Amino acid sequence: MIGVSYGAALALALGYLLGSIPFGLVLTRLAGAGDLRAIGSGNIGATNVLRTGRKGLAAATLVLDALKATAAVVLAAWLFGPVAELPAAAGALLGHLYPVWLGFRGGKGVATFLGGLIGVAWPAALAFALVWLAVAILTRYSSAAALAATVVSPLVAWAIGLPEVATVFAILAALVWLKHSANIRRLVAGAEAKIGRT
C-alpha cells in the first residue's frame, strides 16, 4: 500500500501534469485563431481567449481549466485515497500557473482555483461563484471579482469546518493574487479594463 506522504507527492505531481494542460492555447490554435500568447494580455486563460472574439472558445476554456483541477482531485482520491485530494488540487493550480511546457509562464488560475474547490469543498466553490458574480455585476471588473472570490472561499471552508482546505486554499489564493499583481495596480489606478472591453 502506498504511504500517505508518497501518495500525496504522487497526487501533487498528477495534479501538476493535468493542471499544466494549456487548454486556451490548444483550443485557439485548433480553431485557427493563432497563438493566444500574442493576443491581448498574452495570458492563456479564458478572459484572454474572449479577446479573440470567440465566445464559445472562451467558455470551453473556462470549463476545461476548471474541470482539469476537479478531475485531478477525483482521480487522485481514487488512486491514493482522500488524503491525496488537497495535494492534487494544489498541484493542478501550480501546473496552470507555472506549466513546464510554456517556460513556467501560465495563466492566472481563477478557473482552476474554482475547479479545485469543486473537488474538495463544493460549498466553498458555490460561495466563490456567487461572490464572483456579485462583484462582477457590481463593478464589471473580472479581476476584482476573482480576487474577492479567492478571499471569501477559504473563509467559507473554515466556517464549515474544513480548516485544512481553508489553509491550503488561502495559500493558493495568495498565488492567484500574485499573478494578478498587474491587475491590482491597474485597479488602484482606475485603468483596469472592464468586462466586455479590451
N, C-alpha and C. Protein backbone atom coordinates (compact mmCIF):
# COMPACT_ATOMS: atom_id res chain seq x y z
N MET A 1 0.84 -1.20 0.00
CA MET A 1 0.00 0.00 0.00
C MET A 1 0.88 1.25 0.00
N ILE A 2 0.52 2.24 -0.80
CA ILE A 2 1.30 3.47 -0.91
C ILE A 2 1.17 4.26 0.39
N GLY A 3 2.30 4.72 0.92
CA GLY A 3 2.29 5.52 2.13
C GLY A 3 1.62 6.86 1.89
N VAL A 4 1.22 7.50 3.02
CA VAL A 4 0.49 8.77 2.94
C VAL A 4 1.34 9.84 2.25
N SER A 5 2.59 10.01 2.68
CA SER A 5 3.42 11.06 2.11
C SER A 5 3.74 10.77 0.64
N TYR A 6 3.98 9.50 0.31
CA TYR A 6 4.26 9.12 -1.07
C TYR A 6 3.04 9.36 -1.95
N GLY A 7 1.87 8.98 -1.44
CA GLY A 7 0.63 9.19 -2.18
C GLY A 7 0.36 10.67 -2.40
N ALA A 8 0.64 11.48 -1.38
CA ALA A 8 0.43 12.93 -1.51
C ALA A 8 1.36 13.52 -2.56
N ALA A 9 2.62 13.03 -2.58
CA ALA A 9 3.58 13.51 -3.57
C ALA A 9 3.16 13.13 -4.98
N LEU A 10 2.68 11.91 -5.14
CA LEU A 10 2.20 11.48 -6.46
C LEU A 10 0.97 12.27 -6.89
N ALA A 11 0.10 12.57 -5.93
CA ALA A 11 -1.10 13.35 -6.22
C ALA A 11 -0.72 14.76 -6.66
N LEU A 12 0.28 15.33 -5.99
CA LEU A 12 0.75 16.66 -6.36
C LEU A 12 1.28 16.66 -7.79
N ALA A 13 2.06 15.62 -8.13
CA ALA A 13 2.61 15.51 -9.48
C ALA A 13 1.51 15.29 -10.52
N LEU A 14 0.54 14.44 -10.18
CA LEU A 14 -0.59 14.19 -11.08
C LEU A 14 -1.36 15.48 -11.32
N GLY A 15 -1.62 16.20 -10.23
CA GLY A 15 -2.34 17.47 -10.35
C GLY A 15 -1.58 18.45 -11.22
N TYR A 16 -0.27 18.51 -11.03
CA TYR A 16 0.55 19.43 -11.82
C TYR A 16 0.46 19.10 -13.31
N LEU A 17 0.56 17.83 -13.65
CA LEU A 17 0.52 17.43 -15.06
C LEU A 17 -0.83 17.77 -15.70
N LEU A 18 -1.91 17.51 -14.98
CA LEU A 18 -3.23 17.84 -15.52
C LEU A 18 -3.43 19.35 -15.58
N GLY A 19 -3.00 20.02 -14.51
CA GLY A 19 -3.18 21.47 -14.44
C GLY A 19 -2.39 22.22 -15.49
N SER A 20 -1.29 21.65 -15.94
CA SER A 20 -0.42 22.34 -16.88
C SER A 20 -0.87 22.21 -18.33
N ILE A 21 -1.98 21.51 -18.57
CA ILE A 21 -2.52 21.44 -19.94
C ILE A 21 -3.09 22.81 -20.30
N PRO A 22 -2.52 23.51 -21.28
CA PRO A 22 -2.96 24.88 -21.61
C PRO A 22 -4.14 24.88 -22.57
N PHE A 23 -5.33 24.62 -22.03
CA PHE A 23 -6.49 24.45 -22.90
C PHE A 23 -6.76 25.68 -23.76
N GLY A 24 -6.58 26.88 -23.21
CA GLY A 24 -6.83 28.08 -24.01
C GLY A 24 -5.94 28.14 -25.22
N LEU A 25 -4.67 27.81 -25.03
CA LEU A 25 -3.71 27.82 -26.13
C LEU A 25 -4.04 26.74 -27.15
N VAL A 26 -4.38 25.55 -26.66
CA VAL A 26 -4.69 24.43 -27.55
C VAL A 26 -5.95 24.71 -28.37
N LEU A 27 -7.00 25.18 -27.70
CA LEU A 27 -8.27 25.41 -28.39
C LEU A 27 -8.17 26.51 -29.44
N THR A 28 -7.48 27.61 -29.10
CA THR A 28 -7.37 28.70 -30.08
C THR A 28 -6.53 28.28 -31.28
N ARG A 29 -5.51 27.48 -31.05
CA ARG A 29 -4.71 27.00 -32.19
C ARG A 29 -5.53 26.07 -33.07
N LEU A 30 -6.27 25.15 -32.45
CA LEU A 30 -7.10 24.22 -33.22
C LEU A 30 -8.18 24.95 -34.01
N ALA A 31 -8.64 26.08 -33.46
CA ALA A 31 -9.69 26.86 -34.13
C ALA A 31 -9.13 27.83 -35.15
N GLY A 32 -7.80 27.85 -35.31
CA GLY A 32 -7.18 28.73 -36.28
C GLY A 32 -7.11 30.18 -35.85
N ALA A 33 -7.17 30.42 -34.53
CA ALA A 33 -7.13 31.80 -34.02
C ALA A 33 -5.72 32.27 -33.70
N GLY A 34 -4.72 31.46 -34.02
CA GLY A 34 -3.34 31.86 -33.80
C GLY A 34 -2.84 31.54 -32.41
N ASP A 35 -1.68 32.10 -32.09
CA ASP A 35 -1.04 31.88 -30.79
C ASP A 35 -1.66 32.84 -29.77
N LEU A 36 -2.33 32.29 -28.79
CA LEU A 36 -3.02 33.10 -27.79
C LEU A 36 -2.06 34.03 -27.04
N ARG A 37 -0.82 33.61 -26.94
CA ARG A 37 0.16 34.42 -26.21
C ARG A 37 0.53 35.70 -26.94
N ALA A 38 0.13 35.80 -28.22
CA ALA A 38 0.39 37.01 -29.00
C ALA A 38 -0.85 37.89 -29.11
N ILE A 39 -1.89 37.55 -28.35
CA ILE A 39 -3.16 38.27 -28.40
C ILE A 39 -3.43 38.93 -27.05
N GLY A 40 -3.93 40.14 -27.08
CA GLY A 40 -4.36 40.82 -25.85
C GLY A 40 -3.27 40.87 -24.79
N SER A 41 -3.59 40.29 -23.62
CA SER A 41 -2.65 40.30 -22.50
C SER A 41 -1.57 39.24 -22.64
N GLY A 42 -1.75 38.32 -23.59
CA GLY A 42 -0.80 37.22 -23.73
C GLY A 42 -1.06 36.08 -22.78
N ASN A 43 -2.10 36.21 -21.97
CA ASN A 43 -2.45 35.18 -20.99
C ASN A 43 -3.10 34.00 -21.68
N ILE A 44 -3.01 32.81 -21.06
CA ILE A 44 -3.57 31.61 -21.71
C ILE A 44 -4.96 31.24 -21.18
N GLY A 45 -5.55 32.11 -20.37
CA GLY A 45 -6.84 31.80 -19.75
C GLY A 45 -8.04 32.25 -20.57
N ALA A 46 -9.23 31.99 -20.03
CA ALA A 46 -10.48 32.24 -20.75
C ALA A 46 -10.70 33.72 -21.05
N THR A 47 -10.30 34.60 -20.13
CA THR A 47 -10.51 36.03 -20.35
C THR A 47 -9.78 36.50 -21.60
N ASN A 48 -8.57 36.01 -21.80
CA ASN A 48 -7.83 36.41 -22.99
C ASN A 48 -8.36 35.72 -24.24
N VAL A 49 -8.84 34.49 -24.09
CA VAL A 49 -9.45 33.81 -25.23
C VAL A 49 -10.65 34.62 -25.73
N LEU A 50 -11.38 35.24 -24.79
CA LEU A 50 -12.53 36.06 -25.17
C LEU A 50 -12.13 37.22 -26.07
N ARG A 51 -10.89 37.67 -25.94
CA ARG A 51 -10.41 38.78 -26.76
C ARG A 51 -10.23 38.38 -28.23
N THR A 52 -10.27 37.08 -28.51
CA THR A 52 -10.20 36.63 -29.90
C THR A 52 -11.55 36.80 -30.59
N GLY A 53 -12.58 37.10 -29.80
CA GLY A 53 -13.92 37.22 -30.34
C GLY A 53 -14.66 35.90 -30.40
N ARG A 54 -14.04 34.84 -29.91
CA ARG A 54 -14.65 33.50 -29.93
C ARG A 54 -15.24 33.19 -28.55
N LYS A 55 -16.47 33.56 -28.34
CA LYS A 55 -17.10 33.35 -27.03
C LYS A 55 -17.21 31.87 -26.68
N GLY A 56 -17.47 31.05 -27.67
CA GLY A 56 -17.56 29.61 -27.43
C GLY A 56 -16.24 29.03 -26.97
N LEU A 57 -15.15 29.49 -27.59
CA LEU A 57 -13.83 29.02 -27.18
C LEU A 57 -13.51 29.49 -25.77
N ALA A 58 -13.90 30.71 -25.45
CA ALA A 58 -13.64 31.24 -24.11
C ALA A 58 -14.40 30.43 -23.07
N ALA A 59 -15.66 30.10 -23.37
CA ALA A 59 -16.47 29.31 -22.43
C ALA A 59 -15.87 27.91 -22.27
N ALA A 60 -15.43 27.32 -23.38
CA ALA A 60 -14.83 25.99 -23.31
C ALA A 60 -13.54 26.01 -22.50
N THR A 61 -12.74 27.07 -22.68
CA THR A 61 -11.50 27.21 -21.91
C THR A 61 -11.80 27.32 -20.43
N LEU A 62 -12.78 28.12 -20.09
CA LEU A 62 -13.16 28.30 -18.69
C LEU A 62 -13.55 26.96 -18.05
N VAL A 63 -14.41 26.22 -18.75
CA VAL A 63 -14.89 24.94 -18.22
C VAL A 63 -13.75 23.94 -18.10
N LEU A 64 -12.93 23.83 -19.13
CA LEU A 64 -11.85 22.85 -19.11
C LEU A 64 -10.76 23.21 -18.11
N ASP A 65 -10.47 24.49 -17.96
CA ASP A 65 -9.47 24.90 -16.96
C ASP A 65 -9.96 24.62 -15.54
N ALA A 66 -11.27 24.67 -15.34
CA ALA A 66 -11.81 24.31 -14.03
C ALA A 66 -11.83 22.79 -13.85
N LEU A 67 -12.32 22.11 -14.86
CA LEU A 67 -12.51 20.66 -14.73
C LEU A 67 -11.20 19.89 -14.64
N LYS A 68 -10.10 20.45 -15.17
CA LYS A 68 -8.84 19.72 -15.05
C LYS A 68 -8.41 19.61 -13.59
N ALA A 69 -8.75 20.62 -12.78
CA ALA A 69 -8.45 20.54 -11.34
C ALA A 69 -9.41 19.59 -10.63
N THR A 70 -10.68 19.67 -11.00
CA THR A 70 -11.65 18.75 -10.40
C THR A 70 -11.29 17.31 -10.74
N ALA A 71 -10.92 17.06 -12.00
CA ALA A 71 -10.52 15.72 -12.42
C ALA A 71 -9.29 15.25 -11.66
N ALA A 72 -8.35 16.15 -11.42
CA ALA A 72 -7.14 15.79 -10.67
C ALA A 72 -7.50 15.33 -9.26
N VAL A 73 -8.42 16.04 -8.62
CA VAL A 73 -8.84 15.69 -7.26
C VAL A 73 -9.52 14.33 -7.24
N VAL A 74 -10.46 14.14 -8.15
CA VAL A 74 -11.22 12.88 -8.20
C VAL A 74 -10.30 11.70 -8.51
N LEU A 75 -9.42 11.87 -9.49
CA LEU A 75 -8.52 10.78 -9.88
C LEU A 75 -7.53 10.46 -8.77
N ALA A 76 -6.98 11.50 -8.13
CA ALA A 76 -6.03 11.28 -7.04
C ALA A 76 -6.68 10.59 -5.86
N ALA A 77 -7.91 10.97 -5.54
CA ALA A 77 -8.63 10.33 -4.43
C ALA A 77 -8.88 8.86 -4.74
N TRP A 78 -9.20 8.57 -5.99
CA TRP A 78 -9.44 7.19 -6.40
C TRP A 78 -8.17 6.35 -6.34
N LEU A 79 -7.06 6.95 -6.74
CA LEU A 79 -5.79 6.21 -6.78
C LEU A 79 -5.12 6.10 -5.41
N PHE A 80 -5.17 7.19 -4.64
CA PHE A 80 -4.35 7.25 -3.42
C PHE A 80 -5.14 7.50 -2.14
N GLY A 81 -6.46 7.68 -2.26
CA GLY A 81 -7.27 7.91 -1.08
C GLY A 81 -7.55 9.39 -0.84
N PRO A 82 -8.46 9.69 0.10
CA PRO A 82 -8.88 11.08 0.36
C PRO A 82 -7.73 12.02 0.72
N VAL A 83 -6.67 11.49 1.32
CA VAL A 83 -5.55 12.34 1.73
C VAL A 83 -4.87 13.00 0.52
N ALA A 84 -5.13 12.47 -0.67
CA ALA A 84 -4.48 12.99 -1.87
C ALA A 84 -5.25 14.14 -2.51
N GLU A 85 -6.44 14.43 -2.03
CA GLU A 85 -7.29 15.43 -2.70
C GLU A 85 -6.67 16.83 -2.69
N LEU A 86 -6.25 17.30 -1.52
CA LEU A 86 -5.69 18.64 -1.44
C LEU A 86 -4.36 18.79 -2.20
N PRO A 87 -3.44 17.82 -2.09
CA PRO A 87 -2.23 17.93 -2.92
C PRO A 87 -2.53 17.97 -4.41
N ALA A 88 -3.53 17.21 -4.84
CA ALA A 88 -3.89 17.20 -6.26
C ALA A 88 -4.45 18.56 -6.68
N ALA A 89 -5.30 19.15 -5.84
CA ALA A 89 -5.85 20.47 -6.15
C ALA A 89 -4.74 21.51 -6.21
N ALA A 90 -3.82 21.46 -5.25
CA ALA A 90 -2.71 22.40 -5.23
C ALA A 90 -1.82 22.21 -6.45
N GLY A 91 -1.54 20.94 -6.80
CA GLY A 91 -0.72 20.66 -7.97
C GLY A 91 -1.35 21.17 -9.25
N ALA A 92 -2.67 21.03 -9.36
CA ALA A 92 -3.36 21.50 -10.57
C ALA A 92 -3.21 23.00 -10.73
N LEU A 93 -3.37 23.74 -9.64
CA LEU A 93 -3.22 25.19 -9.74
C LEU A 93 -1.78 25.58 -10.08
N LEU A 94 -0.83 24.92 -9.43
CA LEU A 94 0.58 25.20 -9.73
C LEU A 94 0.90 24.90 -11.19
N GLY A 95 0.33 23.81 -11.70
CA GLY A 95 0.55 23.45 -13.10
C GLY A 95 0.00 24.50 -14.04
N HIS A 96 -1.18 25.04 -13.70
CA HIS A 96 -1.77 26.07 -14.55
C HIS A 96 -0.98 27.37 -14.49
N LEU A 97 -0.55 27.74 -13.29
CA LEU A 97 0.19 28.98 -13.12
C LEU A 97 1.60 28.91 -13.72
N TYR A 98 2.22 27.73 -13.57
CA TYR A 98 3.63 27.59 -13.96
C TYR A 98 3.85 26.30 -14.77
N PRO A 99 3.28 26.22 -15.97
CA PRO A 99 3.42 24.99 -16.78
C PRO A 99 4.83 24.86 -17.36
N VAL A 100 5.41 23.70 -17.16
CA VAL A 100 6.78 23.48 -17.63
C VAL A 100 6.87 23.60 -19.15
N TRP A 101 5.80 23.21 -19.87
CA TRP A 101 5.82 23.23 -21.34
C TRP A 101 5.88 24.64 -21.91
N LEU A 102 5.48 25.63 -21.11
CA LEU A 102 5.43 27.01 -21.60
C LEU A 102 6.44 27.89 -20.87
N GLY A 103 7.54 27.27 -20.44
CA GLY A 103 8.56 28.04 -19.75
C GLY A 103 8.09 28.59 -18.42
N PHE A 104 7.17 27.88 -17.78
CA PHE A 104 6.61 28.24 -16.47
C PHE A 104 5.83 29.56 -16.52
N ARG A 105 5.36 29.93 -17.70
CA ARG A 105 4.54 31.14 -17.84
C ARG A 105 3.12 30.72 -18.21
N GLY A 106 2.27 30.61 -17.21
CA GLY A 106 0.92 30.13 -17.42
C GLY A 106 -0.14 31.18 -17.21
N GLY A 107 -1.33 30.72 -16.84
CA GLY A 107 -2.45 31.61 -16.63
C GLY A 107 -2.51 32.17 -15.23
N LYS A 108 -3.64 32.78 -14.91
CA LYS A 108 -3.80 33.43 -13.60
C LYS A 108 -4.53 32.56 -12.60
N GLY A 109 -5.10 31.45 -13.05
CA GLY A 109 -5.53 30.41 -12.14
C GLY A 109 -6.92 30.50 -11.56
N VAL A 110 -7.74 31.43 -12.00
CA VAL A 110 -9.05 31.63 -11.37
C VAL A 110 -9.95 30.42 -11.58
N ALA A 111 -10.11 29.98 -12.83
CA ALA A 111 -10.98 28.83 -13.11
C ALA A 111 -10.42 27.56 -12.47
N THR A 112 -9.11 27.40 -12.48
CA THR A 112 -8.51 26.20 -11.91
C THR A 112 -8.64 26.20 -10.38
N PHE A 113 -8.54 27.36 -9.77
CA PHE A 113 -8.79 27.50 -8.33
C PHE A 113 -10.22 27.02 -8.02
N LEU A 114 -11.18 27.50 -8.80
CA LEU A 114 -12.58 27.10 -8.61
C LEU A 114 -12.75 25.60 -8.81
N GLY A 115 -12.11 25.04 -9.84
CA GLY A 115 -12.23 23.61 -10.09
C GLY A 115 -11.69 22.77 -8.96
N GLY A 116 -10.59 23.22 -8.35
CA GLY A 116 -10.06 22.52 -7.18
C GLY A 116 -11.03 22.56 -6.02
N LEU A 117 -11.64 23.72 -5.83
CA LEU A 117 -12.64 23.85 -4.74
C LEU A 117 -13.84 22.93 -4.97
N ILE A 118 -14.26 22.82 -6.22
CA ILE A 118 -15.39 21.93 -6.53
C ILE A 118 -15.07 20.51 -6.07
N GLY A 119 -13.82 20.11 -6.25
CA GLY A 119 -13.42 18.76 -5.89
C GLY A 119 -13.31 18.51 -4.40
N VAL A 120 -12.92 19.54 -3.63
CA VAL A 120 -12.65 19.30 -2.21
C VAL A 120 -13.67 19.91 -1.26
N ALA A 121 -14.40 20.94 -1.71
CA ALA A 121 -15.35 21.62 -0.81
C ALA A 121 -16.36 22.39 -1.65
N TRP A 122 -17.38 21.68 -2.13
CA TRP A 122 -18.32 22.33 -3.05
C TRP A 122 -19.05 23.54 -2.45
N PRO A 123 -19.36 23.58 -1.13
CA PRO A 123 -20.00 24.80 -0.61
C PRO A 123 -19.10 26.03 -0.76
N ALA A 124 -17.79 25.85 -0.57
CA ALA A 124 -16.85 26.96 -0.76
C ALA A 124 -16.78 27.34 -2.24
N ALA A 125 -16.90 26.35 -3.12
CA ALA A 125 -16.92 26.63 -4.56
C ALA A 125 -18.17 27.42 -4.93
N LEU A 126 -19.29 27.07 -4.32
CA LEU A 126 -20.53 27.80 -4.57
C LEU A 126 -20.39 29.25 -4.10
N ALA A 127 -19.79 29.43 -2.92
CA ALA A 127 -19.56 30.78 -2.41
C ALA A 127 -18.66 31.57 -3.36
N PHE A 128 -17.63 30.91 -3.88
CA PHE A 128 -16.74 31.53 -4.85
C PHE A 128 -17.54 32.05 -6.04
N ALA A 129 -18.38 31.18 -6.60
CA ALA A 129 -19.15 31.55 -7.79
C ALA A 129 -20.10 32.71 -7.50
N LEU A 130 -20.76 32.69 -6.36
CA LEU A 130 -21.71 33.74 -6.01
C LEU A 130 -21.01 35.08 -5.80
N VAL A 131 -19.87 35.04 -5.11
CA VAL A 131 -19.11 36.28 -4.88
C VAL A 131 -18.59 36.81 -6.20
N TRP A 132 -18.06 35.92 -7.04
CA TRP A 132 -17.55 36.37 -8.34
C TRP A 132 -18.66 37.06 -9.13
N LEU A 133 -19.81 36.44 -9.20
CA LEU A 133 -20.92 37.02 -9.95
C LEU A 133 -21.36 38.36 -9.39
N ALA A 134 -21.47 38.44 -8.06
CA ALA A 134 -21.92 39.68 -7.42
C ALA A 134 -20.95 40.83 -7.69
N VAL A 135 -19.66 40.57 -7.49
CA VAL A 135 -18.66 41.63 -7.69
C VAL A 135 -18.55 41.99 -9.17
N ALA A 136 -18.62 40.99 -10.04
CA ALA A 136 -18.54 41.26 -11.47
C ALA A 136 -19.71 42.12 -11.94
N ILE A 137 -20.90 41.82 -11.44
CA ILE A 137 -22.09 42.59 -11.82
C ILE A 137 -21.99 44.02 -11.30
N LEU A 138 -21.52 44.16 -10.07
CA LEU A 138 -21.46 45.49 -9.44
C LEU A 138 -20.35 46.37 -10.01
N THR A 139 -19.20 45.75 -10.31
CA THR A 139 -18.04 46.55 -10.72
C THR A 139 -17.68 46.41 -12.19
N ARG A 140 -18.08 45.29 -12.80
CA ARG A 140 -17.72 44.94 -14.18
C ARG A 140 -16.22 44.72 -14.34
N TYR A 141 -15.55 44.42 -13.22
CA TYR A 141 -14.14 44.08 -13.26
C TYR A 141 -13.98 42.59 -12.98
N SER A 142 -13.55 41.83 -13.98
CA SER A 142 -13.34 40.40 -13.80
C SER A 142 -12.26 40.13 -12.76
N SER A 143 -11.20 40.92 -12.79
CA SER A 143 -10.10 40.72 -11.85
C SER A 143 -10.53 40.97 -10.42
N ALA A 144 -11.29 42.03 -10.19
CA ALA A 144 -11.77 42.32 -8.84
C ALA A 144 -12.67 41.21 -8.34
N ALA A 145 -13.50 40.69 -9.21
CA ALA A 145 -14.40 39.59 -8.85
C ALA A 145 -13.60 38.36 -8.45
N ALA A 146 -12.57 38.06 -9.22
CA ALA A 146 -11.74 36.90 -8.93
C ALA A 146 -11.01 37.06 -7.61
N LEU A 147 -10.44 38.24 -7.37
CA LEU A 147 -9.70 38.48 -6.14
C LEU A 147 -10.61 38.36 -4.92
N ALA A 148 -11.80 38.93 -5.02
CA ALA A 148 -12.74 38.85 -3.90
C ALA A 148 -13.15 37.40 -3.64
N ALA A 149 -13.41 36.66 -4.71
CA ALA A 149 -13.87 35.28 -4.57
C ALA A 149 -12.79 34.39 -3.95
N THR A 150 -11.53 34.64 -4.29
CA THR A 150 -10.46 33.81 -3.72
C THR A 150 -10.22 34.13 -2.25
N VAL A 151 -10.64 35.28 -1.80
CA VAL A 151 -10.54 35.62 -0.38
C VAL A 151 -11.68 34.98 0.42
N VAL A 152 -12.88 35.09 -0.12
CA VAL A 152 -14.07 34.63 0.61
C VAL A 152 -14.13 33.12 0.70
N SER A 153 -13.78 32.40 -0.37
CA SER A 153 -13.97 30.95 -0.38
C SER A 153 -13.16 30.21 0.69
N PRO A 154 -11.90 30.55 0.98
CA PRO A 154 -11.22 29.87 2.10
C PRO A 154 -11.89 30.17 3.45
N LEU A 155 -12.43 31.37 3.60
CA LEU A 155 -13.14 31.71 4.83
C LEU A 155 -14.38 30.85 5.00
N VAL A 156 -15.07 30.60 3.89
CA VAL A 156 -16.24 29.73 3.93
C VAL A 156 -15.83 28.30 4.28
N ALA A 157 -14.73 27.84 3.70
CA ALA A 157 -14.24 26.50 4.02
C ALA A 157 -13.95 26.39 5.52
N TRP A 158 -13.35 27.41 6.08
CA TRP A 158 -13.07 27.43 7.53
C TRP A 158 -14.37 27.40 8.32
N ALA A 159 -15.33 28.19 7.88
CA ALA A 159 -16.60 28.32 8.61
C ALA A 159 -17.39 27.01 8.61
N ILE A 160 -17.24 26.20 7.60
CA ILE A 160 -18.00 24.94 7.54
C ILE A 160 -17.19 23.76 8.11
N GLY A 161 -16.08 24.08 8.76
CA GLY A 161 -15.34 23.04 9.46
C GLY A 161 -14.30 22.30 8.63
N LEU A 162 -13.72 22.99 7.66
CA LEU A 162 -12.68 22.38 6.83
C LEU A 162 -11.40 23.23 6.91
N PRO A 163 -10.75 23.22 8.07
CA PRO A 163 -9.58 24.09 8.25
C PRO A 163 -8.41 23.77 7.31
N GLU A 164 -8.22 22.49 6.98
CA GLU A 164 -7.12 22.14 6.07
C GLU A 164 -7.36 22.69 4.67
N VAL A 165 -8.60 22.57 4.23
CA VAL A 165 -8.97 23.14 2.92
C VAL A 165 -8.78 24.65 2.95
N ALA A 166 -9.23 25.27 4.04
CA ALA A 166 -9.10 26.72 4.17
C ALA A 166 -7.64 27.17 4.11
N THR A 167 -6.78 26.44 4.81
CA THR A 167 -5.35 26.80 4.85
C THR A 167 -4.71 26.66 3.48
N VAL A 168 -4.93 25.51 2.84
CA VAL A 168 -4.32 25.27 1.51
C VAL A 168 -4.83 26.29 0.50
N PHE A 169 -6.11 26.57 0.51
CA PHE A 169 -6.66 27.49 -0.48
C PHE A 169 -6.36 28.94 -0.17
N ALA A 170 -6.08 29.25 1.08
CA ALA A 170 -5.60 30.60 1.40
C ALA A 170 -4.22 30.81 0.78
N ILE A 171 -3.38 29.78 0.86
CA ILE A 171 -2.06 29.86 0.24
C ILE A 171 -2.17 29.95 -1.28
N LEU A 172 -3.06 29.14 -1.84
CA LEU A 172 -3.27 29.19 -3.29
C LEU A 172 -3.85 30.53 -3.72
N ALA A 173 -4.71 31.11 -2.88
CA ALA A 173 -5.26 32.44 -3.18
C ALA A 173 -4.16 33.47 -3.25
N ALA A 174 -3.17 33.34 -2.37
CA ALA A 174 -2.04 34.28 -2.39
C ALA A 174 -1.30 34.20 -3.72
N LEU A 175 -1.17 32.98 -4.26
CA LEU A 175 -0.52 32.81 -5.56
C LEU A 175 -1.35 33.46 -6.67
N VAL A 176 -2.66 33.29 -6.60
CA VAL A 176 -3.54 33.92 -7.59
C VAL A 176 -3.42 35.43 -7.52
N TRP A 177 -3.37 35.98 -6.30
CA TRP A 177 -3.20 37.42 -6.14
C TRP A 177 -1.86 37.87 -6.72
N LEU A 178 -0.83 37.07 -6.50
CA LEU A 178 0.49 37.40 -7.04
C LEU A 178 0.44 37.48 -8.57
N LYS A 179 -0.27 36.54 -9.17
CA LYS A 179 -0.41 36.52 -10.63
C LYS A 179 -1.24 37.71 -11.13
N HIS A 180 -2.04 38.29 -10.23
CA HIS A 180 -2.88 39.43 -10.59
C HIS A 180 -2.25 40.77 -10.18
N SER A 181 -0.97 40.77 -9.90
CA SER A 181 -0.34 42.00 -9.39
C SER A 181 -0.50 43.17 -10.36
N ALA A 182 -0.37 42.91 -11.65
CA ALA A 182 -0.55 43.98 -12.64
C ALA A 182 -1.99 44.46 -12.65
N ASN A 183 -2.93 43.53 -12.53
CA ASN A 183 -4.35 43.91 -12.49
C ASN A 183 -4.64 44.77 -11.26
N ILE A 184 -4.04 44.40 -10.13
CA ILE A 184 -4.25 45.16 -8.91
C ILE A 184 -3.75 46.59 -9.07
N ARG A 185 -2.58 46.74 -9.68
CA ARG A 185 -2.05 48.08 -9.91
C ARG A 185 -2.98 48.89 -10.82
N ARG A 186 -3.54 48.23 -11.84
CA ARG A 186 -4.46 48.94 -12.74
C ARG A 186 -5.77 49.28 -12.04
N LEU A 187 -6.24 48.38 -11.17
CA LEU A 187 -7.47 48.67 -10.41
C LEU A 187 -7.28 49.89 -9.52
N VAL A 188 -6.14 49.95 -8.85
CA VAL A 188 -5.85 51.09 -7.98
C VAL A 188 -5.76 52.38 -8.79
N ALA A 189 -5.19 52.27 -9.99
CA ALA A 189 -5.02 53.45 -10.84
C ALA A 189 -6.27 53.79 -11.64
N GLY A 190 -7.30 52.93 -11.56
CA GLY A 190 -8.52 53.15 -12.34
C GLY A 190 -8.34 52.88 -13.81
N ALA A 191 -7.35 52.06 -14.15
CA ALA A 191 -7.04 51.80 -15.55
C ALA A 191 -7.37 50.37 -15.98
N GLU A 192 -7.97 49.60 -15.12
CA GLU A 192 -8.29 48.21 -15.46
C GLU A 192 -9.44 48.15 -16.45
N ALA A 193 -9.31 47.27 -17.45
CA ALA A 193 -10.37 47.11 -18.45
C ALA A 193 -11.57 46.40 -17.82
N LYS A 194 -12.74 46.87 -18.15
CA LYS A 194 -13.96 46.25 -17.63
C LYS A 194 -14.40 45.11 -18.53
N ILE A 195 -15.26 44.25 -17.99
CA ILE A 195 -15.78 43.11 -18.73
C ILE A 195 -16.48 43.60 -20.00
N GLY A 196 -16.13 43.00 -21.12
CA GLY A 196 -16.72 43.39 -22.40
C GLY A 196 -15.92 44.41 -23.14
N ARG A 197 -14.82 44.89 -22.51
CA ARG A 197 -13.95 45.83 -23.19
C ARG A 197 -12.54 45.26 -23.20
N THR A 198 -11.74 45.60 -24.19
CA THR A 198 -10.38 45.12 -24.28
C THR A 198 -9.46 45.96 -23.44
